[in-house]
Amino acid sequence: MRRYAECVIDGRKDVRLLEVGYGLGVFAEESENIGTEEHVIIECHPKICAIAREKYKNQKHIKIFQGFWQNFNAEKCYNAIFYDSAVIGEDIDAVEELLQFIEFAMKNLLTDDGIMSFWYRGNKIDSRILDFLKKK
């Protein structure tokens, strides 16, 4: 995850990072080791949010939003976005969820000079992801 953090932050000092899915907190920790100006974490699981809030309670530039990205209201101000979210529910297509987030983030959250990346858990890349990215 260190390499992911380096690529998303890309040597910038004014990083306003949006992280979707805290999980074990590895990406967040690596990002903070590099340094961010602002770091917003969206996490839907209440126990995971509590862990993140406790860990970063003295870090005023880190904010934890408990909920789903679909309920997150923000302006187009993030120049770094990392998506690493598990899909909850058997009837939800993980790839479709990822593509919906990318589309939403590009239109509503990511600055024109921003960098977005994601962690994909599949054992092979889904052709829908490649087709979508080719269009962008």
N, C-alpha and C. Protein backbone atom coordinates (compact mmCIF):
# COMPACT_ATOMS: atom_id res chain seq x y z
N MET A 1 0.81 -1.20 0.00
CA MET A 1 0.00 0.00 0.00
C MET A 1 0.86 1.27 0.00
N ARG A 2 2.08 1.13 0.43
CA ARG A 2 2.97 2.31 0.41
C ARG A 2 3.09 2.85 -1.01
N ARG A 3 3.26 1.95 -1.95
CA ARG A 3 3.40 2.36 -3.35
C ARG A 3 2.12 3.02 -3.88
N TYR A 4 0.96 2.48 -3.51
CA TYR A 4 -0.31 3.11 -3.90
C TYR A 4 -0.37 4.53 -3.36
N ALA A 5 -0.02 4.69 -2.08
CA ALA A 5 -0.06 6.02 -1.46
C ALA A 5 0.89 6.98 -2.18
N GLU A 6 2.08 6.52 -2.50
CA GLU A 6 3.05 7.37 -3.22
C GLU A 6 2.49 7.79 -4.58
N CYS A 7 1.85 6.87 -5.28
CA CYS A 7 1.31 7.19 -6.61
C CYS A 7 0.15 8.17 -6.53
N VAL A 8 -0.72 8.00 -5.55
CA VAL A 8 -1.88 8.88 -5.43
C VAL A 8 -1.45 10.27 -4.95
N ILE A 9 -0.53 10.33 -4.00
CA ILE A 9 -0.06 11.61 -3.49
C ILE A 9 0.87 12.30 -4.47
N ASP A 10 1.66 11.52 -5.19
CA ASP A 10 2.46 12.00 -6.32
C ASP A 10 3.40 13.16 -5.97
N GLY A 11 3.97 13.13 -4.78
CA GLY A 11 4.96 14.14 -4.40
C GLY A 11 4.40 15.51 -4.07
N ARG A 12 3.10 15.67 -4.08
CA ARG A 12 2.48 16.97 -3.81
C ARG A 12 2.41 17.24 -2.31
N LYS A 13 2.47 18.49 -1.93
CA LYS A 13 2.40 18.89 -0.53
C LYS A 13 0.98 19.33 -0.14
N ASP A 14 0.16 19.69 -1.11
CA ASP A 14 -1.18 20.21 -0.83
C ASP A 14 -2.27 19.16 -1.04
N VAL A 15 -2.00 17.94 -0.62
CA VAL A 15 -2.90 16.83 -0.92
C VAL A 15 -4.16 16.89 -0.06
N ARG A 16 -5.29 16.89 -0.75
CA ARG A 16 -6.59 16.76 -0.12
C ARG A 16 -7.13 15.40 -0.55
N LEU A 17 -6.94 14.43 0.35
CA LEU A 17 -7.18 13.02 0.04
C LEU A 17 -8.55 12.57 0.51
N LEU A 18 -9.27 11.91 -0.37
CA LEU A 18 -10.51 11.22 -0.02
C LEU A 18 -10.24 9.73 -0.14
N GLU A 19 -10.47 9.02 0.94
CA GLU A 19 -10.25 7.57 0.98
C GLU A 19 -11.60 6.90 1.25
N VAL A 20 -12.01 6.03 0.35
CA VAL A 20 -13.28 5.32 0.50
C VAL A 20 -12.97 3.89 0.92
N GLY A 21 -13.29 3.58 2.17
CA GLY A 21 -13.01 2.26 2.74
C GLY A 21 -11.72 2.29 3.56
N TYR A 22 -11.85 2.26 4.87
CA TYR A 22 -10.68 2.31 5.76
C TYR A 22 -10.08 0.92 5.98
N GLY A 23 -10.93 -0.08 6.13
CA GLY A 23 -10.45 -1.45 6.33
C GLY A 23 -9.52 -1.58 7.52
N LEU A 24 -8.33 -2.06 7.28
CA LEU A 24 -7.32 -2.21 8.33
C LEU A 24 -6.52 -0.93 8.53
N GLY A 25 -6.74 0.06 7.70
CA GLY A 25 -6.08 1.35 7.87
C GLY A 25 -4.68 1.44 7.29
N VAL A 26 -4.30 0.47 6.49
CA VAL A 26 -2.94 0.44 5.94
C VAL A 26 -2.70 1.60 4.98
N PHE A 27 -3.63 1.83 4.06
CA PHE A 27 -3.46 2.94 3.11
C PHE A 27 -3.45 4.28 3.86
N ALA A 28 -4.35 4.43 4.82
CA ALA A 28 -4.40 5.68 5.59
C ALA A 28 -3.07 5.93 6.30
N GLU A 29 -2.54 4.91 6.92
CA GLU A 29 -1.27 5.06 7.63
C GLU A 29 -0.13 5.42 6.69
N GLU A 30 -0.06 4.74 5.56
CA GLU A 30 1.00 5.04 4.59
C GLU A 30 0.85 6.46 4.04
N SER A 31 -0.39 6.88 3.80
CA SER A 31 -0.63 8.24 3.30
C SER A 31 -0.19 9.28 4.33
N GLU A 32 -0.49 9.02 5.58
CA GLU A 32 -0.12 9.97 6.63
C GLU A 32 1.39 9.97 6.87
N ASN A 33 2.04 8.85 6.65
CA ASN A 33 3.51 8.82 6.75
C ASN A 33 4.14 9.72 5.69
N ILE A 34 3.50 9.79 4.53
CA ILE A 34 3.98 10.67 3.46
C ILE A 34 3.55 12.11 3.75
N GLY A 35 2.31 12.29 4.15
CA GLY A 35 1.81 13.61 4.51
C GLY A 35 0.66 14.08 3.64
N THR A 36 -0.39 14.58 4.29
CA THR A 36 -1.54 15.15 3.60
C THR A 36 -1.94 16.45 4.28
N GLU A 37 -2.53 17.33 3.49
CA GLU A 37 -3.07 18.57 4.05
C GLU A 37 -4.44 18.31 4.68
N GLU A 38 -5.22 17.49 4.00
CA GLU A 38 -6.55 17.10 4.47
C GLU A 38 -6.75 15.64 4.08
N HIS A 39 -7.41 14.88 4.94
CA HIS A 39 -7.63 13.46 4.69
C HIS A 39 -9.02 13.12 5.20
N VAL A 40 -9.92 12.78 4.30
CA VAL A 40 -11.27 12.39 4.65
C VAL A 40 -11.43 10.91 4.34
N ILE A 41 -11.91 10.18 5.33
CA ILE A 41 -12.10 8.74 5.19
C ILE A 41 -13.59 8.44 5.28
N ILE A 42 -14.11 7.73 4.28
CA ILE A 42 -15.49 7.27 4.31
C ILE A 42 -15.46 5.78 4.65
N GLU A 43 -16.14 5.42 5.72
CA GLU A 43 -16.20 4.02 6.16
C GLU A 43 -17.61 3.75 6.67
N CYS A 44 -18.20 2.65 6.22
CA CYS A 44 -19.59 2.38 6.59
C CYS A 44 -19.73 1.58 7.88
N HIS A 45 -18.71 0.84 8.28
CA HIS A 45 -18.83 -0.02 9.45
C HIS A 45 -18.57 0.77 10.74
N PRO A 46 -19.53 0.80 11.66
CA PRO A 46 -19.39 1.62 12.87
C PRO A 46 -18.17 1.24 13.73
N LYS A 47 -17.86 -0.03 13.85
CA LYS A 47 -16.71 -0.42 14.67
C LYS A 47 -15.39 0.00 14.03
N ILE A 48 -15.32 -0.09 12.72
CA ILE A 48 -14.11 0.34 12.01
C ILE A 48 -13.96 1.86 12.13
N CYS A 49 -15.09 2.58 12.02
CA CYS A 49 -15.05 4.04 12.21
C CYS A 49 -14.53 4.39 13.59
N ALA A 50 -14.99 3.67 14.60
CA ALA A 50 -14.54 3.93 15.97
C ALA A 50 -13.04 3.73 16.11
N ILE A 51 -12.52 2.70 15.47
CA ILE A 51 -11.07 2.43 15.50
C ILE A 51 -10.32 3.58 14.83
N ALA A 52 -10.80 4.01 13.66
CA ALA A 52 -10.14 5.10 12.93
C ALA A 52 -10.22 6.40 13.72
N ARG A 53 -11.37 6.69 14.30
CA ARG A 53 -11.51 7.93 15.08
C ARG A 53 -10.58 7.94 16.29
N GLU A 54 -10.45 6.81 16.93
CA GLU A 54 -9.55 6.72 18.08
C GLU A 54 -8.10 6.92 17.64
N LYS A 55 -7.73 6.26 16.56
CA LYS A 55 -6.35 6.36 16.08
C LYS A 55 -5.97 7.79 15.69
N TYR A 56 -6.90 8.50 15.06
CA TYR A 56 -6.59 9.83 14.53
C TYR A 56 -7.24 10.97 15.32
N LYS A 57 -7.62 10.72 16.57
CA LYS A 57 -8.34 11.74 17.35
C LYS A 57 -7.54 13.03 17.54
N ASN A 58 -6.24 12.96 17.49
CA ASN A 58 -5.42 14.16 17.66
C ASN A 58 -4.95 14.76 16.34
N GLN A 59 -5.41 14.22 15.25
CA GLN A 59 -5.04 14.71 13.92
C GLN A 59 -6.21 15.51 13.35
N LYS A 60 -6.15 16.81 13.49
CA LYS A 60 -7.27 17.68 13.10
C LYS A 60 -7.53 17.69 11.59
N HIS A 61 -6.54 17.34 10.80
CA HIS A 61 -6.73 17.36 9.34
C HIS A 61 -7.37 16.07 8.81
N ILE A 62 -7.60 15.10 9.70
CA ILE A 62 -8.23 13.84 9.30
C ILE A 62 -9.66 13.81 9.83
N LYS A 63 -10.60 13.57 8.91
CA LYS A 63 -12.01 13.49 9.28
C LYS A 63 -12.55 12.13 8.86
N ILE A 64 -13.35 11.53 9.72
CA ILE A 64 -13.94 10.23 9.45
C ILE A 64 -15.44 10.42 9.22
N PHE A 65 -15.93 9.98 8.08
CA PHE A 65 -17.35 10.03 7.75
C PHE A 65 -17.89 8.61 7.83
N GLN A 66 -18.84 8.38 8.75
CA GLN A 66 -19.44 7.05 8.84
C GLN A 66 -20.64 6.99 7.92
N GLY A 67 -20.58 6.11 6.96
CA GLY A 67 -21.67 5.96 6.01
C GLY A 67 -21.14 5.44 4.68
N PHE A 68 -21.99 5.50 3.69
CA PHE A 68 -21.66 5.04 2.34
C PHE A 68 -21.29 6.23 1.47
N TRP A 69 -20.46 6.00 0.45
CA TRP A 69 -20.04 7.11 -0.41
C TRP A 69 -21.25 7.75 -1.09
N GLN A 70 -22.30 6.96 -1.32
CA GLN A 70 -23.50 7.51 -1.97
C GLN A 70 -24.17 8.58 -1.10
N ASN A 71 -23.90 8.59 0.19
CA ASN A 71 -24.49 9.57 1.11
C ASN A 71 -23.51 10.67 1.50
N PHE A 72 -22.37 10.70 0.87
CA PHE A 72 -21.34 11.68 1.19
C PHE A 72 -21.52 12.90 0.30
N ASN A 73 -21.73 14.04 0.93
CA ASN A 73 -21.92 15.29 0.18
C ASN A 73 -20.66 16.14 0.31
N ALA A 74 -20.05 16.42 -0.80
CA ALA A 74 -18.85 17.24 -0.79
C ALA A 74 -18.74 17.96 -2.13
N GLU A 75 -17.90 18.95 -2.13
CA GLU A 75 -17.67 19.68 -3.37
C GLU A 75 -16.46 19.09 -4.09
N LYS A 76 -16.25 19.54 -5.28
CA LYS A 76 -15.15 19.04 -6.11
C LYS A 76 -13.85 19.65 -5.62
N CYS A 77 -13.30 19.06 -4.57
CA CYS A 77 -12.12 19.68 -3.95
C CYS A 77 -11.00 18.69 -3.66
N TYR A 78 -11.16 17.43 -3.99
CA TYR A 78 -10.12 16.45 -3.67
C TYR A 78 -9.18 16.26 -4.85
N ASN A 79 -7.89 16.36 -4.59
CA ASN A 79 -6.92 16.14 -5.67
C ASN A 79 -6.27 14.77 -5.56
N ALA A 80 -6.76 13.95 -4.65
CA ALA A 80 -6.31 12.57 -4.52
C ALA A 80 -7.46 11.74 -3.97
N ILE A 81 -7.80 10.65 -4.67
CA ILE A 81 -8.87 9.77 -4.22
C ILE A 81 -8.38 8.33 -4.34
N PHE A 82 -8.66 7.57 -3.27
CA PHE A 82 -8.35 6.15 -3.27
C PHE A 82 -9.58 5.37 -2.84
N TYR A 83 -9.99 4.40 -3.66
CA TYR A 83 -11.18 3.59 -3.41
C TYR A 83 -10.75 2.17 -3.12
N ASP A 84 -11.09 1.71 -1.91
CA ASP A 84 -10.81 0.33 -1.51
C ASP A 84 -11.96 -0.11 -0.62
N SER A 85 -13.06 -0.39 -1.24
CA SER A 85 -14.28 -0.65 -0.49
C SER A 85 -14.82 -2.04 -0.80
N ALA A 86 -15.22 -2.71 0.25
CA ALA A 86 -15.88 -4.01 0.09
C ALA A 86 -17.35 -3.75 -0.21
N VAL A 87 -17.93 -4.58 -1.02
CA VAL A 87 -19.34 -4.45 -1.35
C VAL A 87 -20.15 -5.26 -0.34
N ILE A 88 -21.18 -4.63 0.21
CA ILE A 88 -22.01 -5.28 1.20
C ILE A 88 -23.29 -5.74 0.52
N GLY A 89 -23.55 -7.02 0.60
CA GLY A 89 -24.77 -7.58 0.01
C GLY A 89 -24.45 -8.45 -1.18
N GLU A 90 -25.09 -9.60 -1.23
CA GLU A 90 -24.83 -10.55 -2.31
C GLU A 90 -25.39 -10.11 -3.65
N ASP A 91 -26.39 -9.25 -3.61
CA ASP A 91 -27.04 -8.84 -4.85
C ASP A 91 -26.37 -7.64 -5.52
N ILE A 92 -25.26 -7.19 -4.96
CA ILE A 92 -24.57 -6.03 -5.52
C ILE A 92 -23.35 -6.49 -6.30
N ASP A 93 -23.21 -5.99 -7.50
CA ASP A 93 -22.08 -6.30 -8.37
C ASP A 93 -20.91 -5.38 -8.01
N ALA A 94 -19.81 -5.94 -7.51
CA ALA A 94 -18.67 -5.14 -7.04
C ALA A 94 -18.08 -4.29 -8.16
N VAL A 95 -18.01 -4.81 -9.35
CA VAL A 95 -17.46 -4.05 -10.47
C VAL A 95 -18.37 -2.88 -10.81
N GLU A 96 -19.66 -3.14 -10.86
CA GLU A 96 -20.61 -2.06 -11.16
C GLU A 96 -20.54 -0.97 -10.09
N GLU A 97 -20.40 -1.36 -8.84
CA GLU A 97 -20.27 -0.40 -7.74
C GLU A 97 -19.02 0.46 -7.93
N LEU A 98 -17.90 -0.16 -8.28
CA LEU A 98 -16.67 0.56 -8.54
C LEU A 98 -16.83 1.55 -9.69
N LEU A 99 -17.43 1.11 -10.77
CA LEU A 99 -17.61 1.98 -11.94
C LEU A 99 -18.54 3.15 -11.61
N GLN A 100 -19.57 2.91 -10.82
CA GLN A 100 -20.45 4.00 -10.41
C GLN A 100 -19.68 5.01 -9.58
N PHE A 101 -18.82 4.52 -8.68
CA PHE A 101 -18.04 5.45 -7.87
C PHE A 101 -17.08 6.27 -8.72
N ILE A 102 -16.38 5.63 -9.64
CA ILE A 102 -15.43 6.35 -10.49
C ILE A 102 -16.16 7.45 -11.26
N GLU A 103 -17.27 7.12 -11.85
CA GLU A 103 -18.05 8.10 -12.61
C GLU A 103 -18.49 9.27 -11.70
N PHE A 104 -19.01 8.95 -10.53
CA PHE A 104 -19.45 9.97 -9.58
C PHE A 104 -18.28 10.84 -9.13
N ALA A 105 -17.18 10.21 -8.77
CA ALA A 105 -16.01 10.94 -8.26
C ALA A 105 -15.43 11.87 -9.32
N MET A 106 -15.34 11.40 -10.56
CA MET A 106 -14.78 12.24 -11.62
C MET A 106 -15.63 13.47 -11.86
N LYS A 107 -16.93 13.34 -11.75
CA LYS A 107 -17.82 14.47 -11.99
C LYS A 107 -17.96 15.38 -10.79
N ASN A 108 -17.90 14.82 -9.58
CA ASN A 108 -18.30 15.57 -8.41
C ASN A 108 -17.24 15.80 -7.34
N LEU A 109 -16.17 15.03 -7.32
CA LEU A 109 -15.23 15.10 -6.21
C LEU A 109 -13.80 15.41 -6.60
N LEU A 110 -13.35 14.90 -7.73
CA LEU A 110 -11.95 15.00 -8.13
C LEU A 110 -11.68 16.29 -8.89
N THR A 111 -10.64 17.00 -8.47
CA THR A 111 -10.26 18.21 -9.19
C THR A 111 -9.70 17.84 -10.56
N ASP A 112 -9.62 18.82 -11.44
CA ASP A 112 -9.14 18.55 -12.80
C ASP A 112 -7.72 18.02 -12.83
N ASP A 113 -6.91 18.40 -11.86
CA ASP A 113 -5.52 17.93 -11.81
C ASP A 113 -5.34 16.77 -10.83
N GLY A 114 -6.45 16.20 -10.38
CA GLY A 114 -6.40 15.15 -9.36
C GLY A 114 -6.02 13.78 -9.90
N ILE A 115 -5.67 12.91 -8.96
CA ILE A 115 -5.31 11.52 -9.26
C ILE A 115 -6.23 10.61 -8.47
N MET A 116 -6.78 9.62 -9.16
CA MET A 116 -7.64 8.64 -8.51
C MET A 116 -7.12 7.25 -8.79
N SER A 117 -7.18 6.41 -7.76
CA SER A 117 -6.78 5.02 -7.93
C SER A 117 -7.74 4.15 -7.12
N PHE A 118 -7.68 2.85 -7.36
CA PHE A 118 -8.55 1.93 -6.65
C PHE A 118 -7.84 0.60 -6.47
N TRP A 119 -8.28 -0.12 -5.46
CA TRP A 119 -7.80 -1.47 -5.21
C TRP A 119 -8.87 -2.42 -5.68
N TYR A 120 -8.52 -3.34 -6.57
CA TYR A 120 -9.47 -4.30 -7.13
C TYR A 120 -9.13 -5.68 -6.60
N ARG A 121 -10.10 -6.34 -6.01
CA ARG A 121 -9.86 -7.62 -5.35
C ARG A 121 -10.01 -8.84 -6.26
N GLY A 122 -10.47 -8.68 -7.45
CA GLY A 122 -10.70 -9.82 -8.32
C GLY A 122 -9.41 -10.53 -8.69
N ASN A 123 -9.53 -11.79 -9.08
CA ASN A 123 -8.33 -12.52 -9.47
C ASN A 123 -7.90 -12.20 -10.90
N LYS A 124 -8.73 -11.50 -11.62
CA LYS A 124 -8.35 -10.96 -12.93
C LYS A 124 -9.19 -9.71 -13.17
N ILE A 125 -8.65 -8.81 -13.94
CA ILE A 125 -9.35 -7.54 -14.17
C ILE A 125 -10.59 -7.80 -15.01
N ASP A 126 -11.67 -7.24 -14.62
CA ASP A 126 -12.94 -7.40 -15.30
C ASP A 126 -12.92 -6.52 -16.55
N SER A 127 -13.35 -7.04 -17.67
CA SER A 127 -13.31 -6.29 -18.94
C SER A 127 -14.15 -5.02 -18.86
N ARG A 128 -15.16 -4.99 -17.99
CA ARG A 128 -15.98 -3.78 -17.86
C ARG A 128 -15.14 -2.62 -17.33
N ILE A 129 -14.18 -2.92 -16.46
CA ILE A 129 -13.31 -1.87 -15.93
C ILE A 129 -12.44 -1.31 -17.05
N LEU A 130 -11.85 -2.21 -17.83
CA LEU A 130 -10.99 -1.76 -18.94
C LEU A 130 -11.78 -0.97 -19.97
N ASP A 131 -12.97 -1.43 -20.30
CA ASP A 131 -13.81 -0.71 -21.27
C ASP A 131 -14.17 0.67 -20.75
N PHE A 132 -14.50 0.76 -19.48
CA PHE A 132 -14.86 2.04 -18.88
C PHE A 132 -13.68 3.00 -18.91
N LEU A 133 -12.51 2.52 -18.51
CA LEU A 133 -11.33 3.37 -18.46
C LEU A 133 -10.87 3.83 -19.85
N LYS A 134 -11.07 3.01 -20.84
CA LYS A 134 -10.71 3.41 -22.21
C LYS A 134 -11.53 4.61 -22.68
N LYS A 135 -12.76 4.71 -22.19
CA LYS A 135 -13.65 5.81 -22.58
C LYS A 135 -13.27 7.11 -21.89
N LYS A 136 -12.53 7.04 -20.81
CA LYS A 136 -12.20 8.24 -20.03
C LYS A 136 -10.91 8.77 -20.50
